[in-house]
């Protein structure tokens, strides 16, 4: 028996007009209903209009590229789209200090010399420059994470996405690592009003030090960060010994990695750690930071991850069926950042994207010459993560779970008496550390100026 298959040259009996062809979504559903999950996308297009400076690696226009890919693939038809409002000053002050936020509100490129004495205090410099609209920029991306957290609390979303968020280095009293306001901490503080336990997972190249520090003394948040660590790579933190303090002891988990880790090693390690952490801590909501500087070929990166491997981490976390807030983070090769976050949006929606980028998106030439969703980003850096080393990392991280007596119970109230999770003495300790860092920074600047004087004497 001969079965004749469809031939492209055969005369079709049904034609699509130009409009139908143009508006046809470039995705295929993996399942019909995504297990009933409600996904929401939180953005404000104004966030991509800010500029850190010509030579600065942080490029907010990567968010515009991401939105174009999401819309070009038709993914907006599969989820709720929210234009978010900026965070209010009151909301931002839930975590950050008043004097620091007042500084961000008042400083501009024109008057910055009037605040020169505060630069050291608030860690302003090359990494964290002053640019036009700096406070507005911060309030916009922070507003996205707050809106995402509100939708999760209200049950309007099971998965809430804010790619403009994820700025995990910002501290209570200062900027750090291109980050000024810590939207993740603000979102988690909001989630703690309803959820007894929050698990924070960070797959950025850099250690999520700002989030870890904010919740270092509470057992209501467990932080788990996968990152490069050698003691010198920014921010210089994130080794095994940083386990938390007080009630938070053993609730800060760090996975220090070496240069060049590949897809297989990263995925295997990620799965082998995340699953026992979730099963032991039993969070009621997960916050996932998807910093894309852990991709290969990143301007500041040193890993060998492809976009599919990065997205596989998102898929694995989603598989546990817990509410999720998903945010962006680092990523300094904009065309690859936008590819990754568009792909991970499809993972959260449970649809499969055409590997060829939509032909009619703006700035398509930016993705040349391959115009592919999945360029080869691997193999550019030697992999220094041996199997023995990774097995040792896994063993040391999971050893901490043995110290936990199950998931901590929480007597829920309308709002926790100390929503920030700080003990009073811990707050004093952090303030003292902040002041000592400022003193050390001032001494270093005095010495630098003295050396400069010697050279030009």
Protein backbone atom coordinates (compact mmCIF):
# COMPACT_ATOMS: atom_id res chain seq x y z
CA UNK A 1 0.00 0.00 0.00
CA UNK A 2 1.41 3.40 -0.96
CA UNK A 3 0.63 6.41 1.18
CA UNK A 4 1.05 9.73 -0.55
CA UNK A 5 2.27 12.46 1.79
CA UNK A 6 1.49 16.13 1.40
CA UNK A 7 3.63 17.73 -1.27
CA UNK A 8 4.54 21.41 -1.00
CA UNK A 9 4.13 21.86 -4.75
CA UNK A 10 0.63 20.38 -4.77
CA UNK A 11 -2.24 22.81 -5.24
CA UNK A 12 -3.51 23.82 -1.80
CA UNK A 13 -7.22 23.92 -1.12
CA UNK A 14 -6.92 26.61 1.54
CA UNK A 15 -5.06 29.90 1.38
CA UNK A 16 -4.01 32.31 4.14
CA UNK A 17 -4.25 35.95 3.23
CA UNK A 18 -1.34 38.30 3.95
CA UNK A 19 -2.84 39.55 7.23
CA UNK A 20 -3.38 36.02 8.58
CA UNK A 21 0.14 35.00 7.64
CA UNK A 22 1.60 38.10 9.25
CA UNK A 23 -0.30 37.59 12.52
CA UNK A 24 0.27 33.86 12.80
CA UNK A 25 2.05 33.16 16.13
CA UNK A 26 5.50 31.62 15.77
CA UNK A 27 5.02 29.04 18.50
CA UNK A 28 3.52 25.60 19.00
CA UNK A 29 1.84 24.62 22.28
CA UNK A 30 3.54 21.73 24.05
CA UNK A 31 0.25 21.12 25.87
CA UNK A 32 -3.11 22.78 25.52
CA UNK A 33 -3.52 24.44 28.90
CA UNK A 34 -0.09 24.72 30.58
CA UNK A 35 -1.59 22.69 33.44
CA UNK A 36 -4.01 25.53 34.07
CA UNK A 37 -1.26 27.92 35.18
CA UNK A 38 -1.96 31.64 34.91
CA UNK A 39 1.09 33.52 33.67
CA UNK A 40 1.44 37.31 33.79
CA UNK A 41 4.01 39.61 32.17
CA UNK A 42 4.79 42.85 33.99
CA UNK A 43 6.56 45.61 32.12
CA UNK A 44 6.73 49.33 31.58
CA UNK A 45 8.33 50.29 28.26
CA UNK A 46 9.76 53.47 29.80
CA UNK A 47 12.40 51.44 31.66
CA UNK A 48 14.35 50.78 28.44
CA UNK A 49 14.79 54.50 27.70
CA UNK A 50 17.41 55.15 30.37
CA UNK A 51 21.13 55.17 29.65
CA UNK A 52 24.00 54.44 32.04
CA UNK A 53 26.61 55.85 29.67
CA UNK A 54 28.21 54.98 26.34
CA UNK A 55 30.87 52.66 27.75
CA UNK A 56 28.87 51.23 30.62
CA UNK A 57 28.03 47.52 30.15
CA UNK A 58 24.49 47.84 31.53
CA UNK A 59 22.16 48.52 28.61
CA UNK A 60 18.48 48.89 29.56
CA UNK A 61 17.49 48.72 25.87
CA UNK A 62 17.95 44.93 26.17
CA UNK A 63 14.48 45.04 27.74
CA UNK A 64 13.06 46.63 24.59
CA UNK A 65 14.61 43.84 22.50
CA UNK A 66 13.08 41.27 24.86
CA UNK A 67 9.63 42.82 24.55
CA UNK A 68 9.92 42.87 20.73
CA UNK A 69 10.76 39.16 20.68
CA UNK A 70 7.93 38.29 23.09
CA UNK A 71 5.44 40.24 20.97
CA UNK A 72 6.93 39.03 17.69
CA UNK A 73 6.45 35.42 18.72
CA UNK A 74 2.88 36.18 19.77
CA UNK A 75 3.48 35.13 23.36
CA UNK A 76 1.39 38.04 24.64
CA UNK A 77 -1.68 36.09 23.50
CA UNK A 78 -0.92 33.35 26.02
CA UNK A 79 -0.60 35.46 29.18
CA UNK A 80 -1.85 38.54 30.99
CA UNK A 81 0.05 41.70 30.07
CA UNK A 82 0.34 44.42 32.74
CA UNK A 83 1.82 47.87 32.34
CA UNK A 84 3.19 48.48 35.80
CA UNK A 85 3.21 51.71 37.76
CA UNK A 86 6.41 53.01 39.38
CA UNK A 87 7.01 52.04 42.98
CA UNK A 88 6.16 54.77 45.47
CA UNK A 89 8.70 56.24 47.84
CA UNK A 90 6.89 54.59 50.73
CA UNK A 91 7.19 51.19 49.06
CA UNK A 92 10.90 51.62 48.36
CA UNK A 93 11.50 52.71 51.97
CA UNK A 94 10.20 49.33 53.13
CA UNK A 95 13.82 48.24 52.67
CA UNK A 96 16.11 51.14 51.75
CA UNK A 97 17.25 53.91 54.10
CA UNK A 98 15.69 57.38 53.88
CA UNK A 99 18.96 59.27 53.37
CA UNK A 100 19.98 56.99 50.49
CA UNK A 101 16.62 57.30 48.69
CA UNK A 102 16.58 61.05 49.28
CA UNK A 103 20.00 61.21 47.59
CA UNK A 104 18.76 59.24 44.55
CA UNK A 105 15.74 61.52 44.25
CA UNK A 106 17.77 64.74 44.29
CA UNK A 107 21.01 63.96 42.48
CA UNK A 108 21.34 64.66 38.73
CA UNK A 109 24.29 64.79 36.29
CA UNK A 110 24.08 68.60 36.49
CA UNK A 111 24.23 68.91 40.30
CA UNK A 112 26.20 65.75 41.16
CA UNK A 113 29.28 67.75 42.22
CA UNK A 114 27.19 69.25 45.02
CA UNK A 115 26.84 65.71 46.42
CA UNK A 116 30.47 64.67 45.97
CA UNK A 117 30.82 64.04 49.68
CA UNK A 118 28.01 61.45 49.47
CA UNK A 119 29.51 59.46 46.59
CA UNK A 120 31.63 57.33 48.85
CA UNK A 121 28.83 56.95 51.39
CA UNK A 122 26.44 55.59 48.78
CA UNK A 123 29.05 53.81 46.63
CA UNK A 124 28.59 56.02 43.57
CA UNK A 125 31.28 55.72 40.90
CA UNK A 126 32.10 53.98 37.64
CA UNK A 127 30.00 50.87 38.35
CA UNK A 128 27.08 52.88 39.70
CA UNK A 129 27.13 56.23 37.89
CA UNK A 130 24.71 59.13 38.12
CA UNK A 131 22.57 59.48 34.97
CA UNK A 132 19.44 61.36 33.93
CA UNK A 133 16.31 60.03 35.64
CA UNK A 134 18.13 57.62 37.92
CA UNK A 135 15.41 57.53 40.59
CA UNK A 136 12.61 57.21 38.03
CA UNK A 137 14.45 54.28 36.46
CA UNK A 138 14.73 52.56 39.84
CA UNK A 139 11.08 53.14 40.74
CA UNK A 140 9.91 51.71 37.40
CA UNK A 141 11.76 48.40 37.60
CA UNK A 142 10.98 48.07 41.32
CA UNK A 143 7.32 48.70 40.55
CA UNK A 144 7.34 45.72 38.18
CA UNK A 145 8.46 43.32 40.88
CA UNK A 146 6.02 44.73 43.41
CA UNK A 147 3.18 44.36 40.92
CA UNK A 148 4.25 40.77 40.18
CA UNK A 149 4.26 39.95 43.90
CA UNK A 150 0.80 41.47 44.34
CA UNK A 151 -0.65 39.35 41.53
CA UNK A 152 0.79 36.21 43.13
CA UNK A 153 -0.62 37.10 46.55
CA UNK A 154 -4.06 37.84 45.08
CA UNK A 155 -4.07 34.55 43.17
CA UNK A 156 -4.40 36.38 39.84
CA UNK A 157 -1.15 34.79 38.67
CA UNK A 158 0.63 31.51 39.31
CA UNK A 159 3.77 32.75 37.53
CA UNK A 160 4.59 36.47 37.35
CA UNK A 161 7.43 37.73 35.12
CA UNK A 162 9.35 41.01 35.41
CA UNK A 163 12.43 40.93 33.20
CA UNK A 164 13.32 44.52 34.14
CA UNK A 165 13.85 43.42 37.74
CA UNK A 166 16.43 41.16 39.35
CA UNK A 167 18.90 43.83 40.50
CA UNK A 168 20.25 41.72 43.32
CA UNK A 169 23.36 43.66 44.45
CA UNK A 170 21.71 46.81 45.85
CA UNK A 171 22.06 47.19 49.61
CA UNK A 172 19.88 48.89 52.18
CA UNK A 173 22.24 51.86 52.43
CA UNK A 174 24.02 51.94 49.07
CA UNK A 175 24.23 51.07 45.39
CA UNK A 176 26.35 48.17 44.17
CA UNK A 177 27.12 46.35 40.93
CA UNK A 178 24.96 48.47 38.58
CA UNK A 179 22.05 48.10 41.05
CA UNK A 180 20.52 50.99 42.99
CA UNK A 181 17.21 49.70 44.39
CA UNK A 182 16.81 46.02 45.26
CA UNK A 183 13.47 45.14 43.68
CA UNK A 184 13.89 41.49 44.67
CA UNK A 185 14.02 42.30 48.37
CA UNK A 186 10.99 44.59 48.01
CA UNK A 187 9.06 41.84 46.21
CA UNK A 188 9.99 39.22 48.82
CA UNK A 189 9.01 41.53 51.68
CA UNK A 190 5.62 41.86 50.04
CA UNK A 191 5.32 38.08 49.58
CA UNK A 192 6.14 37.55 53.27
CA UNK A 193 2.89 39.29 54.18
CA UNK A 194 1.09 36.22 52.87
CA UNK A 195 3.60 33.38 52.41
CA UNK A 196 5.28 31.75 55.42
CA UNK A 197 8.41 30.66 53.50
CA UNK A 198 10.06 32.09 50.38
CA UNK A 199 12.81 30.35 48.43
CA UNK A 200 15.07 32.66 46.42
CA UNK A 201 17.09 31.02 43.61
CA UNK A 202 19.73 32.99 41.70
CA UNK A 203 21.37 31.78 38.44
CA UNK A 204 23.18 35.02 37.66
CA UNK A 205 26.94 34.82 37.04
CA UNK A 206 27.45 36.99 40.14
CA UNK A 207 26.57 36.18 43.73
CA UNK A 208 23.20 37.52 44.88
CA UNK A 209 24.79 39.28 47.83
CA UNK A 210 22.21 42.03 48.32
CA UNK A 211 19.34 39.56 48.75
CA UNK A 212 21.40 37.26 50.95
CA UNK A 213 22.39 40.14 53.23
CA UNK A 214 18.81 41.39 53.53
CA UNK A 215 17.53 38.03 54.82
CA UNK A 216 20.68 36.72 56.47
CA UNK A 217 19.12 36.49 59.93
CA UNK A 218 15.69 35.05 59.15
CA UNK A 219 14.46 31.53 58.43
CA UNK A 220 11.46 32.85 56.50
CA UNK A 221 13.60 33.25 53.38
CA UNK A 222 16.11 30.73 52.09
CA UNK A 223 18.58 32.09 49.53
CA UNK A 224 20.29 29.76 47.02
CA UNK A 225 22.82 31.30 44.64
CA UNK A 226 24.76 29.63 41.79
CA UNK A 227 27.66 31.88 40.74
CA UNK A 228 31.34 32.25 39.95
CA UNK A 229 33.52 32.56 43.02
CA UNK A 230 37.27 32.80 43.49
CA UNK A 231 37.45 35.35 46.31
CA UNK A 232 38.19 38.22 43.93
CA UNK A 233 35.46 38.12 41.29
CA UNK A 234 32.73 40.69 42.00
CA UNK A 235 31.22 40.99 44.57
CA UNK A 236 33.82 38.85 46.35
CA UNK A 237 31.22 37.00 48.43
CA UNK A 238 29.33 33.74 48.06
CA UNK A 239 31.56 31.03 49.52
CA UNK A 240 30.31 27.98 51.42
CA UNK A 241 30.89 29.55 54.84
CA UNK A 242 28.22 32.22 54.36
CA UNK A 243 25.37 30.25 55.89
CA UNK A 244 23.29 32.87 57.71
CA UNK A 245 23.16 34.00 61.31
CA UNK A 246 20.75 33.75 64.24
CA UNK A 247 17.42 32.33 63.11
CA UNK A 248 18.76 32.37 59.56
CA UNK A 249 21.65 29.99 60.20
CA UNK A 250 21.84 27.38 57.40
CA UNK A 251 19.27 29.32 55.36
CA UNK A 252 21.83 30.92 53.05
CA UNK A 253 23.16 28.43 50.51
CA UNK A 254 25.93 29.25 48.05
CA UNK A 255 27.17 27.24 45.07
CA UNK A 256 30.59 28.63 44.09
CA UNK A 257 31.61 27.69 40.52
CA UNK A 258 34.74 28.06 38.43
CA UNK A 259 35.16 29.41 34.92
CA UNK A 260 33.74 27.66 31.88
CA UNK A 261 31.05 25.41 33.32
CA UNK A 262 29.09 23.73 30.50
CA UNK A 263 25.44 22.90 29.91
CA UNK A 264 25.47 19.31 31.16
CA UNK A 265 27.44 20.01 34.33
CA UNK A 266 25.37 23.06 35.26
CA UNK A 267 22.00 21.37 34.72
CA UNK A 268 22.99 18.23 36.62
CA UNK A 269 24.32 20.23 39.54
CA UNK A 270 21.31 22.55 39.56
CA UNK A 271 18.80 19.70 39.64
CA UNK A 272 20.71 17.75 42.28
CA UNK A 273 20.69 20.74 44.65
CA UNK A 274 17.37 22.48 43.96
CA UNK A 275 15.18 19.41 44.42
CA UNK A 276 16.38 18.49 47.95
CA UNK A 277 16.32 22.17 48.94
CA UNK A 278 12.66 22.48 47.90
CA UNK A 279 11.72 19.17 49.52
CA UNK A 280 13.45 20.11 52.78
CA UNK A 281 12.55 23.78 53.12
CA UNK A 282 9.06 23.39 51.59
CA UNK A 283 8.63 26.97 50.34
CA UNK A 284 5.18 28.24 49.50
CA UNK A 285 6.50 30.55 46.77
CA UNK A 286 9.73 30.76 44.74
CA UNK A 287 11.51 33.86 43.47
CA UNK A 288 13.81 32.98 40.55
CA UNK A 289 16.47 35.44 39.37
CA UNK A 290 17.49 34.66 35.77
CA UNK A 291 20.58 36.81 35.26
CA UNK A 292 21.74 36.15 31.70
CA UNK A 293 25.40 36.99 32.23
CA UNK A 294 25.84 33.30 33.04
CA UNK A 295 25.38 32.61 29.30
CA UNK A 296 28.43 31.97 27.17
CA UNK A 297 29.83 34.90 25.17
CA UNK A 298 28.56 37.46 27.67
CA UNK A 299 30.55 40.68 27.73
CA UNK A 300 31.38 40.22 31.43
CA UNK A 301 30.86 36.46 31.59
CA UNK A 302 33.06 33.39 31.86
CA UNK A 303 30.64 30.44 31.62
CA UNK A 304 29.74 28.28 28.61
CA UNK A 305 25.97 28.01 28.99
CA UNK A 306 23.67 27.98 25.99
CA UNK A 307 20.19 29.48 26.11
CA UNK A 308 18.47 26.07 26.29
CA UNK A 309 20.51 25.11 29.38
CA UNK A 310 19.72 28.42 31.09
CA UNK A 311 16.06 27.86 30.28
CA UNK A 312 16.19 24.29 31.55
CA UNK A 313 16.79 25.66 35.05
CA UNK A 314 13.60 27.70 34.69
CA UNK A 315 11.72 24.63 33.44
CA UNK A 316 12.93 22.52 36.36
CA UNK A 317 11.89 25.05 39.00
CA UNK A 318 8.51 25.42 37.31
CA UNK A 319 7.99 21.65 37.43
CA UNK A 320 7.41 21.78 41.20
CA UNK A 321 4.12 23.61 40.65
CA UNK A 322 4.73 26.37 43.19
CA UNK A 323 3.86 30.04 42.63
CA UNK A 324 6.82 31.79 41.02
CA UNK A 325 8.04 35.33 40.61
CA UNK A 326 10.59 35.38 37.78
CA UNK A 327 12.91 38.36 37.32
CA UNK A 328 15.84 39.32 35.12
CA UNK A 329 19.21 40.51 36.38
CA UNK A 330 22.64 40.68 34.79
CA UNK A 331 23.40 40.18 31.12
CA UNK A 332 25.64 42.41 29.05
CA UNK A 333 25.36 41.11 25.49
CA UNK A 334 21.85 42.47 24.80
CA UNK A 335 21.00 40.30 21.76
CA UNK A 336 21.64 37.13 23.80
CA UNK A 337 19.93 38.45 26.93
CA UNK A 338 16.75 39.17 24.97
CA UNK A 339 16.88 35.76 23.26
CA UNK A 340 17.23 34.01 26.62
CA UNK A 341 14.40 35.87 28.35
CA UNK A 342 12.04 35.46 25.39
CA UNK A 343 12.84 31.73 25.34
CA UNK A 344 12.31 31.45 29.09
CA UNK A 345 8.98 33.21 28.73
CA UNK A 346 7.98 30.43 26.32
CA UNK A 347 9.19 27.83 28.83
CA UNK A 348 6.94 29.32 31.49
CA UNK A 349 4.05 29.33 29.00
CA UNK A 350 4.79 25.74 27.96
CA UNK A 351 5.06 26.53 24.25
CA UNK A 352 7.80 25.76 21.73
CA UNK A 353 9.21 28.63 19.70
CA UNK A 354 10.32 28.60 16.09
CA UNK A 355 14.15 28.57 16.23
CA UNK A 356 14.22 31.23 13.50
CA UNK A 357 13.43 34.67 14.90
CA UNK A 358 10.24 36.37 13.64
CA UNK A 359 11.06 38.20 10.42
CA UNK A 360 9.04 41.32 11.14
CA UNK A 361 10.35 42.32 14.54
CA UNK A 362 12.08 45.72 14.82
CA UNK A 363 15.88 45.63 15.04
CA UNK A 364 16.02 42.18 13.41
CA UNK A 365 19.45 42.96 11.96
CA UNK A 366 20.74 43.20 15.51
CA UNK A 367 20.46 39.39 15.71
CA UNK A 368 22.45 38.66 12.56
CA UNK A 369 24.06 36.92 10.89
CA UNK A 370 22.25 33.76 12.04
CA UNK A 371 18.88 35.29 13.13
CA UNK A 372 18.46 32.27 15.37
CA UNK A 373 16.89 31.96 18.80
CA UNK A 374 19.64 29.52 19.80
CA UNK A 375 23.10 30.59 18.63
CA UNK A 376 26.01 28.46 19.80
CA UNK A 377 27.42 30.18 22.89
CA UNK A 378 29.45 27.27 24.27
CA UNK A 379 33.11 26.34 24.25
CA UNK A 380 34.65 29.81 24.40
CA UNK A 381 36.18 29.36 27.88
CA UNK A 382 38.07 26.36 29.27
CA UNK A 383 35.94 24.42 31.75
CA UNK A 384 37.77 24.41 35.09
CA UNK A 385 34.95 22.63 36.93
CA UNK A 386 36.11 19.05 37.25
CA UNK A 387 33.68 16.30 38.12
CA UNK A 388 35.42 15.86 41.47
CA UNK A 389 35.10 19.56 42.25
CA UNK A 390 31.38 19.67 41.40
CA UNK A 391 30.68 16.57 43.47
CA UNK A 392 32.42 18.25 46.38
CA UNK A 393 30.36 21.43 45.88
CA UNK A 394 27.13 19.45 45.86
CA UNK A 395 28.09 17.53 49.02
CA UNK A 396 29.00 20.69 50.94
CA UNK A 397 25.81 22.51 49.98
CA UNK A 398 23.53 19.60 50.82
CA UNK A 399 25.33 19.06 54.12
CA UNK A 400 23.69 22.26 55.34
CA UNK A 401 20.24 20.79 54.82
CA UNK A 402 20.99 18.17 57.45
CA UNK A 403 21.00 20.93 60.06
CA UNK A 404 17.42 21.95 59.27
CA UNK A 405 14.70 20.33 61.33
CA UNK A 406 12.22 20.42 58.49
CA UNK A 407 10.53 23.54 57.26
CA UNK A 408 10.24 26.32 59.88
CA UNK A 409 6.68 26.94 61.01
CA UNK A 410 5.34 30.47 61.07
CA UNK A 411 2.44 31.88 63.04
CA UNK A 412 1.00 34.17 60.39
CA UNK A 413 -0.35 37.61 61.30
CA UNK A 414 -1.78 40.44 59.24
CA UNK A 415 1.83 41.55 58.75
CA UNK A 416 4.96 40.15 60.40
CA UNK A 417 6.02 42.30 63.36
CA UNK A 418 9.38 42.89 61.65
CA UNK A 419 8.65 42.53 57.96
CA UNK A 420 12.31 42.95 57.02
CA UNK A 421 13.34 39.89 58.99
CA UNK A 422 16.05 41.80 60.86
CA UNK A 423 16.75 41.40 64.53
CA UNK A 424 17.54 44.75 66.12
CA UNK A 425 21.13 43.79 66.84
CA UNK A 426 21.56 42.53 63.29
CA UNK A 427 20.38 45.89 61.96
CA UNK A 428 23.00 47.61 64.15
CA UNK A 429 25.69 45.21 62.93
CA UNK A 430 24.90 45.93 59.27
CA UNK A 431 24.98 49.67 59.94
CA UNK A 432 28.41 49.34 61.58
CA UNK A 433 29.70 47.30 58.63
CA UNK A 434 28.38 49.93 56.23
CA UNK A 435 30.16 52.71 58.13
CA UNK A 436 33.43 50.75 58.30
CA UNK A 437 33.29 50.14 54.53
CA UNK A 438 32.88 53.88 54.01
CA UNK A 439 35.89 54.61 56.20
CA UNK A 440 38.02 52.09 54.31
CA UNK A 441 36.83 53.53 51.01
CA UNK A 442 37.75 57.08 52.12
CA UNK A 443 41.22 55.96 53.23
CA UNK A 444 41.75 54.24 49.87
CA UNK A 445 40.74 57.39 47.99
CA UNK A 446 43.12 59.55 50.07
CA UNK A 447 45.98 57.16 49.29
CA UNK A 448 45.08 57.14 45.57
CA UNK A 449 45.14 60.94 45.46
CA UNK A 450 48.50 60.96 47.26
CA UNK A 451 49.95 58.54 44.70
CA UNK A 452 48.63 60.70 41.87
CA UNK A 453 50.34 63.72 43.44
CA UNK A 454 53.65 61.84 43.57
CA UNK A 455 53.44 60.98 39.87
CA UNK A 456 52.84 64.54 38.79
CA UNK A 457 55.02 66.29 41.34
